[in-house]
N, C-alpha and C. Protein backbone atom coordinates (compact mmCIF):
# COMPACT_ATOMS: atom_id res chain seq x y z
N MET A 1 40.03 -50.08 27.58
CA MET A 1 39.08 -49.57 28.57
C MET A 1 38.13 -50.68 29.01
N ALA A 2 37.90 -50.78 30.32
CA ALA A 2 37.04 -51.84 30.86
C ALA A 2 35.58 -51.61 30.48
N ASP A 3 34.88 -52.70 30.24
CA ASP A 3 33.45 -52.64 29.94
C ASP A 3 32.65 -52.94 31.21
N VAL A 4 31.42 -52.43 31.23
CA VAL A 4 30.53 -52.64 32.37
C VAL A 4 29.34 -53.47 31.91
N TYR A 5 29.02 -54.51 32.69
CA TYR A 5 27.92 -55.41 32.36
C TYR A 5 26.95 -55.52 33.54
N GLY A 6 25.76 -56.00 33.24
CA GLY A 6 24.78 -56.27 34.28
C GLY A 6 24.14 -57.62 34.03
N TYR A 7 23.77 -58.29 35.10
CA TYR A 7 23.06 -59.57 34.96
C TYR A 7 21.78 -59.53 35.78
N VAL A 8 20.69 -59.92 35.14
CA VAL A 8 19.35 -59.92 35.75
C VAL A 8 18.77 -61.31 35.63
N ARG A 9 18.15 -61.79 36.72
CA ARG A 9 17.48 -63.09 36.66
C ARG A 9 16.20 -63.06 37.45
N VAL A 10 15.13 -63.58 36.85
CA VAL A 10 13.90 -63.86 37.57
C VAL A 10 13.57 -65.33 37.33
N SER A 11 12.85 -65.94 38.24
CA SER A 11 12.64 -67.39 38.18
C SER A 11 11.66 -67.82 37.10
N THR A 12 10.66 -66.97 36.81
CA THR A 12 9.65 -67.34 35.81
C THR A 12 9.38 -66.17 34.90
N LYS A 13 8.73 -66.45 33.77
CA LYS A 13 8.39 -65.40 32.81
C LYS A 13 7.37 -64.42 33.36
N ASP A 14 6.63 -64.82 34.40
CA ASP A 14 5.61 -63.95 34.97
C ASP A 14 6.19 -62.95 35.97
N GLN A 15 7.38 -63.21 36.47
CA GLN A 15 7.96 -62.32 37.46
C GLN A 15 8.50 -61.05 36.82
N ASN A 16 8.52 -59.97 37.61
CA ASN A 16 8.90 -58.67 37.10
C ASN A 16 10.36 -58.37 37.40
N GLU A 17 11.09 -57.96 36.37
CA GLU A 17 12.51 -57.66 36.53
C GLU A 17 12.80 -56.17 36.67
N ASP A 18 11.74 -55.34 36.78
CA ASP A 18 11.91 -53.88 36.76
C ASP A 18 12.86 -53.37 37.85
N ARG A 19 12.75 -53.89 39.06
CA ARG A 19 13.57 -53.40 40.17
C ARG A 19 15.06 -53.60 39.86
N GLN A 20 15.39 -54.76 39.31
CA GLN A 20 16.79 -55.02 38.95
C GLN A 20 17.25 -54.12 37.81
N MET A 21 16.39 -53.93 36.82
CA MET A 21 16.76 -53.10 35.67
C MET A 21 16.97 -51.64 36.09
N ILE A 22 16.12 -51.15 36.99
CA ILE A 22 16.26 -49.77 37.47
C ILE A 22 17.58 -49.59 38.21
N ALA A 23 17.93 -50.58 39.04
CA ALA A 23 19.18 -50.50 39.80
C ALA A 23 20.39 -50.48 38.87
N LEU A 24 20.35 -51.27 37.79
CA LEU A 24 21.46 -51.29 36.85
C LEU A 24 21.53 -50.00 36.03
N LYS A 25 20.35 -49.45 35.72
CA LYS A 25 20.30 -48.19 34.98
C LYS A 25 20.92 -47.07 35.80
N GLU A 26 20.68 -47.08 37.11
CA GLU A 26 21.27 -46.07 37.99
C GLU A 26 22.79 -46.16 38.02
N LYS A 27 23.32 -47.34 37.72
CA LYS A 27 24.77 -47.54 37.67
C LYS A 27 25.33 -47.31 36.26
N LYS A 28 24.47 -46.77 35.38
CA LYS A 28 24.88 -46.43 34.01
C LYS A 28 25.34 -47.65 33.20
N VAL A 29 24.73 -48.82 33.49
CA VAL A 29 25.05 -50.01 32.69
C VAL A 29 24.33 -49.89 31.35
N PRO A 30 25.03 -49.95 30.23
CA PRO A 30 24.37 -49.86 28.92
C PRO A 30 23.34 -50.97 28.75
N LEU A 31 22.22 -50.63 28.14
CA LEU A 31 21.14 -51.60 27.98
C LEU A 31 21.58 -52.83 27.20
N ASP A 32 22.43 -52.64 26.19
CA ASP A 32 22.88 -53.79 25.40
C ASP A 32 23.97 -54.60 26.10
N SER A 33 24.34 -54.18 27.31
CA SER A 33 25.32 -54.93 28.10
C SER A 33 24.67 -55.62 29.31
N ILE A 34 23.32 -55.63 29.31
CA ILE A 34 22.58 -56.31 30.38
C ILE A 34 22.08 -57.65 29.85
N PHE A 35 22.41 -58.71 30.55
CA PHE A 35 22.00 -60.05 30.17
C PHE A 35 20.93 -60.53 31.15
N MET A 36 19.81 -61.03 30.62
CA MET A 36 18.70 -61.40 31.50
C MET A 36 18.19 -62.80 31.19
N ASP A 37 18.05 -63.60 32.24
CA ASP A 37 17.45 -64.93 32.13
C ASP A 37 16.16 -64.95 32.93
N LYS A 38 15.15 -65.64 32.39
CA LYS A 38 13.91 -65.88 33.13
C LYS A 38 13.86 -67.38 33.39
N GLN A 39 14.59 -67.78 34.43
CA GLN A 39 14.82 -69.20 34.67
C GLN A 39 15.21 -69.42 36.12
N SER A 40 14.98 -70.63 36.60
CA SER A 40 15.34 -70.99 37.97
C SER A 40 16.84 -70.80 38.20
N GLY A 41 17.19 -70.50 39.46
CA GLY A 41 18.58 -70.32 39.82
C GLY A 41 19.23 -71.58 40.36
N LYS A 42 18.61 -72.73 40.14
CA LYS A 42 19.14 -73.98 40.71
C LYS A 42 20.47 -74.39 40.08
N ASP A 43 20.72 -73.96 38.81
CA ASP A 43 22.01 -74.23 38.18
C ASP A 43 22.33 -73.08 37.23
N PHE A 44 23.44 -73.20 36.52
CA PHE A 44 23.87 -72.11 35.64
C PHE A 44 23.75 -72.45 34.16
N LYS A 45 22.89 -73.40 33.83
CA LYS A 45 22.63 -73.73 32.43
C LYS A 45 21.58 -72.76 31.89
N ARG A 46 22.00 -71.50 31.79
CA ARG A 46 21.11 -70.43 31.33
C ARG A 46 21.76 -69.75 30.14
N SER A 47 21.00 -69.55 29.09
CA SER A 47 21.56 -69.07 27.82
C SER A 47 22.21 -67.70 27.94
N GLN A 48 21.53 -66.75 28.59
CA GLN A 48 22.07 -65.40 28.67
C GLN A 48 23.28 -65.32 29.60
N TYR A 49 23.25 -66.11 30.66
CA TYR A 49 24.42 -66.13 31.56
C TYR A 49 25.64 -66.68 30.82
N GLN A 50 25.44 -67.72 30.02
CA GLN A 50 26.54 -68.30 29.26
C GLN A 50 27.09 -67.30 28.24
N LYS A 51 26.21 -66.50 27.64
CA LYS A 51 26.66 -65.46 26.71
C LYS A 51 27.48 -64.40 27.44
N LEU A 52 27.05 -64.08 28.67
CA LEU A 52 27.79 -63.12 29.48
C LEU A 52 29.20 -63.62 29.76
N ILE A 53 29.31 -64.89 30.15
CA ILE A 53 30.62 -65.49 30.46
C ILE A 53 31.55 -65.43 29.24
N GLU A 54 30.97 -65.62 28.05
CA GLU A 54 31.78 -65.59 26.82
C GLU A 54 32.26 -64.17 26.49
N LYS A 55 31.47 -63.17 26.91
CA LYS A 55 31.76 -61.79 26.50
C LYS A 55 32.63 -61.03 27.50
N ILE A 56 32.47 -61.30 28.79
CA ILE A 56 33.17 -60.53 29.81
C ILE A 56 34.66 -60.88 29.83
N HIS A 57 35.50 -59.85 30.06
CA HIS A 57 36.95 -60.04 29.99
C HIS A 57 37.64 -59.51 31.25
N ASN A 58 38.92 -59.76 31.31
CA ASN A 58 39.75 -59.29 32.41
C ASN A 58 39.61 -57.77 32.58
N GLY A 59 39.36 -57.33 33.82
CA GLY A 59 39.23 -55.91 34.10
C GLY A 59 37.83 -55.35 33.96
N ASP A 60 36.91 -56.11 33.34
CA ASP A 60 35.53 -55.65 33.21
C ASP A 60 34.82 -55.70 34.56
N LEU A 61 33.67 -55.02 34.64
CA LEU A 61 32.90 -54.96 35.88
C LEU A 61 31.49 -55.51 35.64
N LEU A 62 31.05 -56.39 36.54
CA LEU A 62 29.70 -56.97 36.47
C LEU A 62 28.89 -56.54 37.68
N TYR A 63 27.72 -55.95 37.42
CA TYR A 63 26.78 -55.59 38.48
C TYR A 63 25.65 -56.62 38.55
N ILE A 64 25.32 -57.05 39.76
CA ILE A 64 24.10 -57.84 39.98
C ILE A 64 23.39 -57.26 41.20
N MET A 65 22.06 -57.40 41.22
CA MET A 65 21.27 -56.79 42.29
C MET A 65 21.55 -57.45 43.64
N SER A 66 21.54 -58.80 43.65
CA SER A 66 21.77 -59.55 44.88
C SER A 66 22.33 -60.91 44.52
N ILE A 67 22.93 -61.58 45.48
CA ILE A 67 23.62 -62.84 45.18
C ILE A 67 22.64 -63.91 44.71
N ASP A 68 21.37 -63.87 45.17
CA ASP A 68 20.41 -64.89 44.74
C ASP A 68 19.95 -64.67 43.30
N ARG A 69 20.23 -63.48 42.73
CA ARG A 69 19.96 -63.27 41.31
C ARG A 69 21.02 -63.96 40.46
N LEU A 70 22.22 -64.12 41.03
CA LEU A 70 23.27 -64.88 40.34
C LEU A 70 22.89 -66.35 40.32
N GLY A 71 22.42 -66.87 41.44
CA GLY A 71 22.01 -68.27 41.51
C GLY A 71 21.52 -68.64 42.89
N ARG A 72 21.04 -69.90 43.00
CA ARG A 72 20.54 -70.39 44.28
C ARG A 72 21.13 -71.76 44.62
N ASN A 73 22.32 -72.02 44.12
CA ASN A 73 22.99 -73.27 44.41
C ASN A 73 24.31 -72.93 45.11
N TYR A 74 24.43 -73.37 46.36
CA TYR A 74 25.56 -72.97 47.23
C TYR A 74 26.91 -73.18 46.57
N GLU A 75 27.18 -74.38 46.10
CA GLU A 75 28.49 -74.67 45.53
C GLU A 75 28.69 -74.00 44.18
N GLU A 76 27.63 -73.96 43.36
CA GLU A 76 27.75 -73.39 42.03
C GLU A 76 27.97 -71.88 42.07
N ILE A 77 27.33 -71.19 43.03
CA ILE A 77 27.53 -69.74 43.15
C ILE A 77 29.01 -69.44 43.39
N GLN A 78 29.60 -70.18 44.32
CA GLN A 78 31.01 -69.95 44.63
C GLN A 78 31.91 -70.34 43.46
N HIS A 79 31.54 -71.40 42.76
CA HIS A 79 32.33 -71.83 41.60
C HIS A 79 32.30 -70.77 40.51
N GLN A 80 31.11 -70.24 40.21
CA GLN A 80 30.98 -69.22 39.17
C GLN A 80 31.66 -67.92 39.60
N TRP A 81 31.60 -67.61 40.88
CA TRP A 81 32.28 -66.42 41.41
C TRP A 81 33.78 -66.53 41.14
N ARG A 82 34.33 -67.72 41.38
CA ARG A 82 35.78 -67.93 41.14
C ARG A 82 36.11 -67.82 39.65
N ILE A 83 35.22 -68.36 38.80
CA ILE A 83 35.45 -68.27 37.35
C ILE A 83 35.52 -66.80 36.93
N LEU A 84 34.55 -66.02 37.40
CA LEU A 84 34.48 -64.61 37.01
C LEU A 84 35.65 -63.79 37.55
N THR A 85 35.95 -63.98 38.82
CA THR A 85 36.95 -63.13 39.46
C THR A 85 38.38 -63.64 39.33
N LYS A 86 38.57 -64.95 39.35
CA LYS A 86 39.93 -65.51 39.32
C LYS A 86 40.36 -65.89 37.90
N GLU A 87 39.52 -66.72 37.23
CA GLU A 87 39.92 -67.20 35.91
C GLU A 87 39.80 -66.10 34.84
N ILE A 88 38.67 -65.39 34.84
CA ILE A 88 38.49 -64.32 33.86
C ILE A 88 39.17 -63.03 34.31
N GLY A 89 39.11 -62.76 35.62
CA GLY A 89 39.74 -61.55 36.14
C GLY A 89 38.84 -60.34 36.13
N ALA A 90 37.53 -60.56 36.12
CA ALA A 90 36.58 -59.46 36.16
C ALA A 90 36.26 -59.10 37.61
N ASP A 91 35.70 -57.90 37.81
CA ASP A 91 35.22 -57.49 39.13
C ASP A 91 33.72 -57.69 39.20
N ILE A 92 33.21 -57.98 40.40
CA ILE A 92 31.77 -58.12 40.62
C ILE A 92 31.35 -57.17 41.73
N CYS A 93 30.24 -56.51 41.51
CA CYS A 93 29.65 -55.66 42.55
C CYS A 93 28.21 -56.12 42.79
N VAL A 94 27.94 -56.61 44.01
CA VAL A 94 26.58 -57.00 44.41
C VAL A 94 25.95 -55.78 45.07
N LEU A 95 24.93 -55.20 44.42
CA LEU A 95 24.43 -53.89 44.80
C LEU A 95 23.83 -53.83 46.20
N ASP A 96 23.15 -54.90 46.64
CA ASP A 96 22.54 -54.84 47.96
C ASP A 96 23.47 -55.36 49.07
N MET A 97 24.73 -55.63 48.75
CA MET A 97 25.68 -56.09 49.75
C MET A 97 27.05 -55.46 49.45
N PRO A 98 27.31 -54.26 49.96
CA PRO A 98 28.55 -53.54 49.66
C PRO A 98 29.82 -54.32 49.95
N LEU A 99 29.77 -55.27 50.91
CA LEU A 99 30.96 -56.06 51.20
C LEU A 99 31.35 -56.96 50.03
N LEU A 100 30.38 -57.25 49.15
CA LEU A 100 30.67 -58.07 47.98
C LEU A 100 30.91 -57.19 46.76
N ASP A 101 31.97 -56.43 46.83
CA ASP A 101 32.43 -55.60 45.72
C ASP A 101 33.93 -55.84 45.60
N THR A 102 34.31 -56.61 44.60
CA THR A 102 35.71 -57.05 44.50
C THR A 102 36.67 -55.92 44.15
N ARG A 103 36.13 -54.73 43.84
CA ARG A 103 37.01 -53.59 43.59
C ARG A 103 37.62 -53.07 44.88
N ASN A 104 36.94 -53.38 46.00
CA ASN A 104 37.40 -52.92 47.30
C ASN A 104 38.05 -54.08 48.06
N GLY A 105 38.89 -53.76 48.99
CA GLY A 105 39.46 -54.77 49.88
C GLY A 105 40.17 -55.89 49.18
N LYS A 106 41.08 -55.56 48.28
CA LYS A 106 41.82 -56.60 47.55
C LYS A 106 42.97 -57.17 48.37
N ASP A 107 43.15 -56.66 49.60
CA ASP A 107 44.19 -57.22 50.47
C ASP A 107 43.67 -58.52 51.08
N LEU A 108 44.49 -59.18 51.89
CA LEU A 108 44.14 -60.48 52.46
C LEU A 108 42.90 -60.41 53.33
N MET A 109 42.81 -59.39 54.19
CA MET A 109 41.66 -59.26 55.10
C MET A 109 40.39 -59.00 54.31
N GLY A 110 40.47 -58.13 53.31
CA GLY A 110 39.30 -57.83 52.49
C GLY A 110 38.80 -59.06 51.76
N SER A 111 39.72 -59.84 51.21
CA SER A 111 39.34 -61.07 50.50
C SER A 111 38.73 -62.08 51.45
N PHE A 112 39.28 -62.17 52.66
CA PHE A 112 38.77 -63.10 53.66
C PHE A 112 37.33 -62.76 54.04
N ILE A 113 37.08 -61.47 54.30
CA ILE A 113 35.72 -61.03 54.67
C ILE A 113 34.75 -61.28 53.52
N ALA A 114 35.16 -60.95 52.29
CA ALA A 114 34.29 -61.14 51.12
C ALA A 114 33.96 -62.62 50.93
N ASP A 115 34.96 -63.50 51.13
CA ASP A 115 34.72 -64.94 51.00
C ASP A 115 33.72 -65.44 52.03
N LEU A 116 33.83 -64.94 53.26
CA LEU A 116 32.89 -65.34 54.32
C LEU A 116 31.47 -64.90 53.99
N VAL A 117 31.35 -63.64 53.56
CA VAL A 117 30.02 -63.11 53.21
C VAL A 117 29.43 -63.90 52.05
N LEU A 118 30.26 -64.20 51.04
CA LEU A 118 29.79 -64.97 49.88
C LEU A 118 29.29 -66.34 50.30
N GLN A 119 30.01 -67.01 51.17
CA GLN A 119 29.59 -68.34 51.63
C GLN A 119 28.26 -68.27 52.37
N ILE A 120 28.12 -67.27 53.23
CA ILE A 120 26.88 -67.13 54.01
C ILE A 120 25.70 -66.85 53.09
N LEU A 121 25.86 -65.90 52.16
CA LEU A 121 24.76 -65.54 51.27
C LEU A 121 24.43 -66.67 50.29
N SER A 122 25.44 -67.41 49.86
CA SER A 122 25.19 -68.56 48.98
C SER A 122 24.37 -69.62 49.71
N PHE A 123 24.71 -69.85 50.98
CA PHE A 123 23.96 -70.80 51.79
C PHE A 123 22.50 -70.35 51.96
N VAL A 124 22.33 -69.07 52.25
CA VAL A 124 20.98 -68.52 52.42
C VAL A 124 20.18 -68.65 51.12
N ALA A 125 20.82 -68.36 49.98
CA ALA A 125 20.13 -68.44 48.68
C ALA A 125 19.64 -69.84 48.39
N GLU A 126 20.50 -70.85 48.63
CA GLU A 126 20.08 -72.23 48.38
C GLU A 126 19.03 -72.67 49.38
N SER A 127 19.18 -72.25 50.64
CA SER A 127 18.19 -72.62 51.67
C SER A 127 16.81 -72.09 51.29
N GLU A 128 16.77 -70.88 50.77
CA GLU A 128 15.49 -70.29 50.37
C GLU A 128 14.88 -71.07 49.21
N ARG A 129 15.71 -71.52 48.25
CA ARG A 129 15.20 -72.32 47.13
C ARG A 129 14.58 -73.62 47.64
N VAL A 130 15.28 -74.28 48.59
CA VAL A 130 14.77 -75.52 49.17
C VAL A 130 13.45 -75.27 49.90
N ASN A 131 13.39 -74.16 50.64
CA ASN A 131 12.16 -73.82 51.39
C ASN A 131 11.00 -73.52 50.45
N ILE A 132 11.30 -72.85 49.33
CA ILE A 132 10.25 -72.56 48.34
C ILE A 132 9.68 -73.87 47.79
N GLN A 133 10.56 -74.82 47.48
CA GLN A 133 10.11 -76.12 46.97
C GLN A 133 9.25 -76.84 48.00
N LYS A 134 9.66 -76.78 49.28
CA LYS A 134 8.89 -77.43 50.35
C LYS A 134 7.51 -76.80 50.48
N ARG A 135 7.47 -75.46 50.41
CA ARG A 135 6.17 -74.77 50.53
C ARG A 135 5.26 -75.12 49.36
N GLN A 136 5.85 -75.25 48.15
CA GLN A 136 5.05 -75.63 46.99
C GLN A 136 4.48 -77.03 47.16
N GLN A 137 5.31 -77.96 47.62
CA GLN A 137 4.87 -79.34 47.83
C GLN A 137 3.79 -79.41 48.90
N GLN A 138 3.96 -78.64 49.98
CA GLN A 138 2.96 -78.61 51.05
C GLN A 138 1.65 -78.01 50.55
N GLY A 139 1.78 -76.96 49.70
CA GLY A 139 0.57 -76.33 49.14
C GLY A 139 -0.19 -77.27 48.24
N ILE A 140 0.54 -78.03 47.41
CA ILE A 140 -0.09 -79.01 46.51
C ILE A 140 -0.77 -80.11 47.32
N ALA A 141 -0.08 -80.60 48.37
CA ALA A 141 -0.64 -81.65 49.22
C ALA A 141 -1.92 -81.16 49.91
N ALA A 142 -1.89 -79.92 50.40
CA ALA A 142 -3.06 -79.36 51.07
C ALA A 142 -4.22 -79.19 50.10
N ALA A 143 -3.91 -78.75 48.88
CA ALA A 143 -4.96 -78.58 47.86
C ALA A 143 -5.58 -79.91 47.48
N LYS A 144 -4.73 -80.94 47.32
CA LYS A 144 -5.24 -82.27 46.99
C LYS A 144 -6.13 -82.80 48.11
N ALA A 145 -5.75 -82.53 49.36
CA ALA A 145 -6.54 -82.97 50.50
C ALA A 145 -7.92 -82.32 50.50
N LYS A 146 -8.01 -81.12 49.90
CA LYS A 146 -9.30 -80.41 49.82
C LYS A 146 -10.07 -80.79 48.57
N GLY A 147 -9.50 -81.70 47.76
CA GLY A 147 -10.21 -82.17 46.58
C GLY A 147 -9.87 -81.45 45.30
N VAL A 148 -8.87 -80.53 45.35
CA VAL A 148 -8.46 -79.83 44.13
C VAL A 148 -7.74 -80.82 43.22
N LYS A 149 -8.12 -80.84 41.95
CA LYS A 149 -7.52 -81.77 41.01
C LYS A 149 -6.51 -81.05 40.13
N PHE A 150 -5.38 -81.71 39.88
CA PHE A 150 -4.32 -81.16 39.05
C PHE A 150 -4.24 -81.94 37.74
N GLY A 151 -3.59 -81.34 36.75
CA GLY A 151 -3.43 -82.01 35.47
C GLY A 151 -4.55 -81.67 34.50
N ARG A 152 -4.57 -82.38 33.40
CA ARG A 152 -5.57 -82.13 32.36
C ARG A 152 -6.98 -82.43 32.86
N PRO A 153 -7.96 -81.59 32.50
CA PRO A 153 -9.33 -81.92 32.85
C PRO A 153 -9.82 -83.11 32.04
N SER A 154 -10.89 -83.72 32.50
CA SER A 154 -11.46 -84.87 31.77
C SER A 154 -11.89 -84.44 30.38
N LEU A 155 -11.80 -85.37 29.45
CA LEU A 155 -12.19 -85.06 28.09
C LEU A 155 -13.68 -84.75 28.02
N ALA A 156 -14.00 -83.62 27.40
CA ALA A 156 -15.39 -83.21 27.27
C ALA A 156 -15.94 -83.74 25.95
N VAL A 157 -16.30 -85.01 25.94
CA VAL A 157 -16.88 -85.62 24.74
C VAL A 157 -18.32 -86.00 25.05
N PRO A 158 -19.19 -85.93 24.04
CA PRO A 158 -20.60 -86.26 24.28
C PRO A 158 -20.81 -87.76 24.48
N ASP A 159 -21.99 -88.10 24.96
CA ASP A 159 -22.31 -89.51 25.23
C ASP A 159 -22.29 -90.36 23.95
N ASN A 160 -22.62 -89.74 22.84
CA ASN A 160 -22.68 -90.50 21.58
C ASN A 160 -21.33 -90.56 20.87
N PHE A 161 -20.27 -90.17 21.55
CA PHE A 161 -18.93 -90.14 20.94
C PHE A 161 -18.52 -91.52 20.39
N PRO A 162 -18.64 -92.60 21.17
CA PRO A 162 -18.24 -93.92 20.63
C PRO A 162 -18.99 -94.28 19.35
N MET A 163 -20.28 -93.94 19.31
CA MET A 163 -21.08 -94.26 18.12
C MET A 163 -20.61 -93.43 16.92
N MET A 164 -20.31 -92.14 17.16
CA MET A 164 -19.85 -91.27 16.09
C MET A 164 -18.49 -91.73 15.56
N VAL A 165 -17.63 -92.19 16.48
CA VAL A 165 -16.31 -92.70 16.07
C VAL A 165 -16.48 -93.92 15.19
N GLU A 166 -17.44 -94.78 15.54
CA GLU A 166 -17.69 -95.99 14.75
C GLU A 166 -18.17 -95.62 13.35
N HIS A 167 -19.04 -94.62 13.25
CA HIS A 167 -19.50 -94.16 11.93
C HIS A 167 -18.33 -93.63 11.11
N TRP A 168 -17.42 -92.91 11.80
CA TRP A 168 -16.24 -92.35 11.12
C TRP A 168 -15.32 -93.47 10.62
N ARG A 169 -15.14 -94.51 11.45
CA ARG A 169 -14.29 -95.63 11.07
C ARG A 169 -14.87 -96.39 9.87
N MET A 170 -16.20 -96.42 9.82
CA MET A 170 -16.87 -97.11 8.71
C MET A 170 -16.97 -96.22 7.47
N LYS A 171 -16.37 -94.99 7.58
CA LYS A 171 -16.39 -94.00 6.50
C LYS A 171 -17.81 -93.55 6.15
N GLU A 172 -18.68 -93.58 7.15
CA GLU A 172 -20.06 -93.15 6.92
C GLU A 172 -20.21 -91.65 7.12
N ILE A 173 -19.26 -91.04 7.87
CA ILE A 173 -19.26 -89.59 8.04
C ILE A 173 -17.82 -89.09 7.96
N ASP A 174 -17.66 -87.83 7.54
CA ASP A 174 -16.34 -87.21 7.48
C ASP A 174 -15.94 -86.74 8.88
N LEU A 175 -14.64 -86.59 9.07
CA LEU A 175 -14.14 -86.12 10.37
C LEU A 175 -14.67 -84.73 10.71
N ASP A 176 -14.74 -83.85 9.70
CA ASP A 176 -15.23 -82.49 9.95
C ASP A 176 -16.65 -82.51 10.49
N VAL A 177 -17.48 -83.40 9.93
CA VAL A 177 -18.86 -83.53 10.38
C VAL A 177 -18.90 -84.03 11.82
N LEU A 178 -18.08 -85.03 12.11
CA LEU A 178 -18.01 -85.58 13.47
C LEU A 178 -17.63 -84.50 14.48
N LEU A 179 -16.59 -83.71 14.16
CA LEU A 179 -16.12 -82.66 15.07
C LEU A 179 -17.21 -81.63 15.32
N GLN A 180 -17.93 -81.30 14.25
CA GLN A 180 -19.00 -80.32 14.38
C GLN A 180 -20.16 -80.86 15.20
N GLU A 181 -20.54 -82.11 14.95
CA GLU A 181 -21.64 -82.73 15.68
C GLU A 181 -21.31 -82.88 17.18
N CYS A 182 -20.06 -83.29 17.45
CA CYS A 182 -19.66 -83.51 18.85
C CYS A 182 -19.19 -82.23 19.54
N ARG A 183 -18.97 -81.17 18.73
CA ARG A 183 -18.48 -79.89 19.26
C ARG A 183 -17.16 -80.05 20.02
N ILE A 184 -16.23 -80.72 19.37
CA ILE A 184 -14.91 -80.94 19.96
C ILE A 184 -13.84 -80.56 18.95
N SER A 185 -12.62 -80.39 19.43
CA SER A 185 -11.50 -80.06 18.55
C SER A 185 -10.87 -81.33 18.00
N ASN A 186 -10.02 -81.13 17.01
CA ASN A 186 -9.32 -82.25 16.40
C ASN A 186 -8.47 -83.00 17.43
N SER A 187 -7.74 -82.22 18.29
CA SER A 187 -6.87 -82.85 19.28
C SER A 187 -7.67 -83.62 20.33
N THR A 188 -8.84 -83.07 20.72
CA THR A 188 -9.69 -83.77 21.68
C THR A 188 -10.21 -85.08 21.09
N PHE A 189 -10.54 -85.05 19.81
CA PHE A 189 -11.01 -86.25 19.12
C PHE A 189 -9.97 -87.37 19.20
N TYR A 190 -8.72 -87.04 18.84
CA TYR A 190 -7.68 -88.08 18.83
C TYR A 190 -7.28 -88.51 20.24
N ARG A 191 -7.36 -87.61 21.19
CA ARG A 191 -7.11 -88.01 22.59
C ARG A 191 -8.19 -88.97 23.06
N GLY A 192 -9.43 -88.71 22.63
CA GLY A 192 -10.54 -89.59 23.00
C GLY A 192 -10.36 -90.98 22.41
N ILE A 193 -9.87 -91.03 21.18
CA ILE A 193 -9.62 -92.33 20.52
C ILE A 193 -8.53 -93.09 21.28
N ARG A 194 -7.44 -92.36 21.60
CA ARG A 194 -6.33 -93.02 22.32
C ARG A 194 -6.79 -93.54 23.68
N ARG A 195 -7.62 -92.75 24.35
CA ARG A 195 -8.09 -93.15 25.66
C ARG A 195 -8.97 -94.41 25.56
N SER A 196 -9.81 -94.45 24.54
CA SER A 196 -10.70 -95.63 24.40
C SER A 196 -9.90 -96.88 24.07
N VAL A 197 -8.81 -96.71 23.28
CA VAL A 197 -7.94 -97.85 22.97
C VAL A 197 -7.24 -98.33 24.23
N ASN A 198 -6.73 -97.38 25.05
CA ASN A 198 -6.04 -97.75 26.28
C ASN A 198 -6.96 -98.45 27.27
N THR A 199 -8.23 -97.98 27.29
CA THR A 199 -9.22 -98.57 28.19
C THR A 199 -9.51 -100.02 27.79
N GLN A 200 -9.59 -100.25 26.46
CA GLN A 200 -9.87 -101.60 25.97
C GLN A 200 -8.69 -102.54 26.23
N ASN A 201 -7.47 -101.97 26.18
CA ASN A 201 -6.28 -102.80 26.45
C ASN A 201 -6.13 -103.08 27.94
């Protein structure tokens, strides 16, 4: 008897996968047969997707919400589609695109139409990824132009930090006392030391 699987992907851990999970639940996909990655779709080096590939067999059915949930790389989407449908022999149903349901139209015309739709949607998925990257770069550039600073904030060490470090090096005070006096953490202390050494070099 064929097994039914689902694949869910969101780009970051902050994004919500509820809409995809609800759609798969409506298709009666068992919860333990749903594989989910919280990772970019730029390639297929995703742990849960790889587990899915190892588990799915000939005649099984895979549901995905939309083609961009499978991935956002034009050539890789088509390559993985061929692995799933041709090499493994599984069926795929893309829920928001009825034409991409390999259970239907297995004749020459049906396959031709499905291949065309897959190519178009794969192109759109990758184009959107490229556009997202461009918008992010433009947003960062605009923020920098307005004076927004990125990266680690400046070390918050007191003015007497160099003197306190010298006392510590001379073993005149313990590190715990220094940290308490300067009101800094252990990691900030060592970052401050490294920075002062780099400045002197």
